[in-house]
Structures are given as structure tokens and as C-alpha cells.
Protein backbone atom coordinates (compact mmCIF):
# COMPACT_ATOMS: atom_id res chain seq x y z
CA MET A 1 25.11 9.28 33.67
CA CYS A 2 22.63 6.57 34.50
CA SER A 3 23.00 3.20 32.81
CA VAL A 4 19.42 3.29 31.48
CA SER A 5 20.32 6.32 29.37
CA VAL A 6 23.45 4.63 28.03
CA ILE A 7 21.55 1.52 26.95
CA HIS A 8 18.81 3.58 25.23
CA ASP A 9 21.49 5.60 23.39
CA TYR A 10 23.26 2.44 22.26
CA PHE A 11 20.12 0.80 20.86
CA GLN A 12 18.86 3.99 19.20
CA GLN A 13 22.11 4.14 17.23
CA ARG A 14 21.60 0.58 15.93
CA PRO A 15 18.68 0.89 13.51
CA ALA A 16 19.31 -2.50 11.88
CA ILE A 17 18.09 -4.43 14.94
CA LYS A 18 15.37 -6.93 14.05
CA TRP A 19 12.83 -6.29 16.79
CA ASP A 20 10.44 -9.07 17.71
CA ARG A 21 8.34 -9.65 20.81
CA ASP A 22 11.07 -11.69 22.57
CA THR A 23 13.74 -9.07 21.86
CA LEU A 24 11.48 -6.29 23.10
CA THR A 25 10.60 -8.22 26.27
CA GLU A 26 14.29 -8.89 27.01
CA TYR A 27 15.17 -5.27 26.31
CA GLN A 28 12.45 -4.04 28.67
CA GLU A 29 13.72 -6.42 31.37
CA ILE A 30 17.27 -5.12 30.95
CA VAL A 31 16.06 -1.53 31.23
CA ARG A 32 13.98 -2.41 34.32
CA ARG A 33 16.97 -4.06 36.00
CA LEU A 34 19.33 -1.22 35.07
CA ASP A 35 16.83 1.26 36.52
CA ALA A 36 16.84 -0.74 39.78
CA LEU A 37 20.66 -0.73 39.75
CA ASP A 38 20.78 3.01 39.12
CA LYS A 39 18.49 3.56 42.12
CA LYS A 40 20.63 1.27 44.28
CA LEU A 41 23.77 3.18 43.27
CA GLY A 42 22.13 6.54 43.91
CA GLU A 43 22.14 7.69 40.31
CA PRO A 44 19.66 10.48 39.64
CA PRO A 45 16.59 9.66 37.53
CA CYS A 46 17.36 10.11 33.86
CA ASP A 47 13.98 10.03 32.20
CA ASP A 48 14.27 11.42 28.68
CA PRO A 49 11.08 12.11 26.72
CA SER A 50 12.80 11.52 23.37
CA LYS A 51 14.05 8.09 24.46
CA ALA A 52 10.61 7.17 25.78
CA ALA A 53 9.08 8.28 22.45
CA TRP A 54 11.60 6.13 20.57
CA MET A 55 10.65 3.07 22.65
CA ARG A 56 6.94 3.71 22.08
CA GLU A 57 7.64 3.89 18.33
CA VAL A 58 9.46 0.53 18.44
CA GLU A 59 6.50 -0.98 20.32
CA LYS A 60 4.00 0.54 17.87
CA ARG A 61 5.84 -0.74 14.80
CA LEU A 62 6.20 -4.20 16.31
CA SER A 63 2.46 -4.31 17.08
CA LEU A 64 1.66 -3.32 13.50
CA LEU A 65 3.93 -6.04 12.12
CA GLU A 66 2.41 -8.65 14.42
CA ARG A 67 -1.07 -7.73 13.19
CA GLY A 68 0.11 -8.01 9.59
CA GLY A 69 -0.08 -4.29 8.95
CA GLY A 70 3.47 -3.96 7.66
CA ALA A 71 5.92 -1.23 8.56
CA PRO A 72 4.48 2.29 8.85
């Protein structure tokens, strides 16, 4: 199993995380670096549409909060 998948699973199971722009940026950097490591180690790509959708939802909710729109 690729490490990117593991990290997405871990964070999806922790709904109480207080996402802000800095946390999201750090998370995206971790995922980017883990993806590079997976490639270096020869792990197969592990793109998962449901995990990508979850990350888009986090980004969308954060954008709404930053604009003062509140949680959807």
C-alpha cells in the first residue's frame, strides 16, 4: 500500500481536525513528498477518487470559512 493512501485514510478518520490554510498547505506538502517517496520506492500509483473528493471538500469548506460563509 502506498504511503499517500495511508495518510489520507488516517486524516479522513479524524473529523475533529481544525483545518486552516497553514494546516492544509502542510498537509498538501506531506502528501506531495510521500507521493515522491512512493515513486522512488516503486510503489504503484494509488489514486483514489473518494480520497480526492474528500480533499476537495476540505478545501471547499475552508474557502467558505475564509470568505465568511460559514460551514456548509
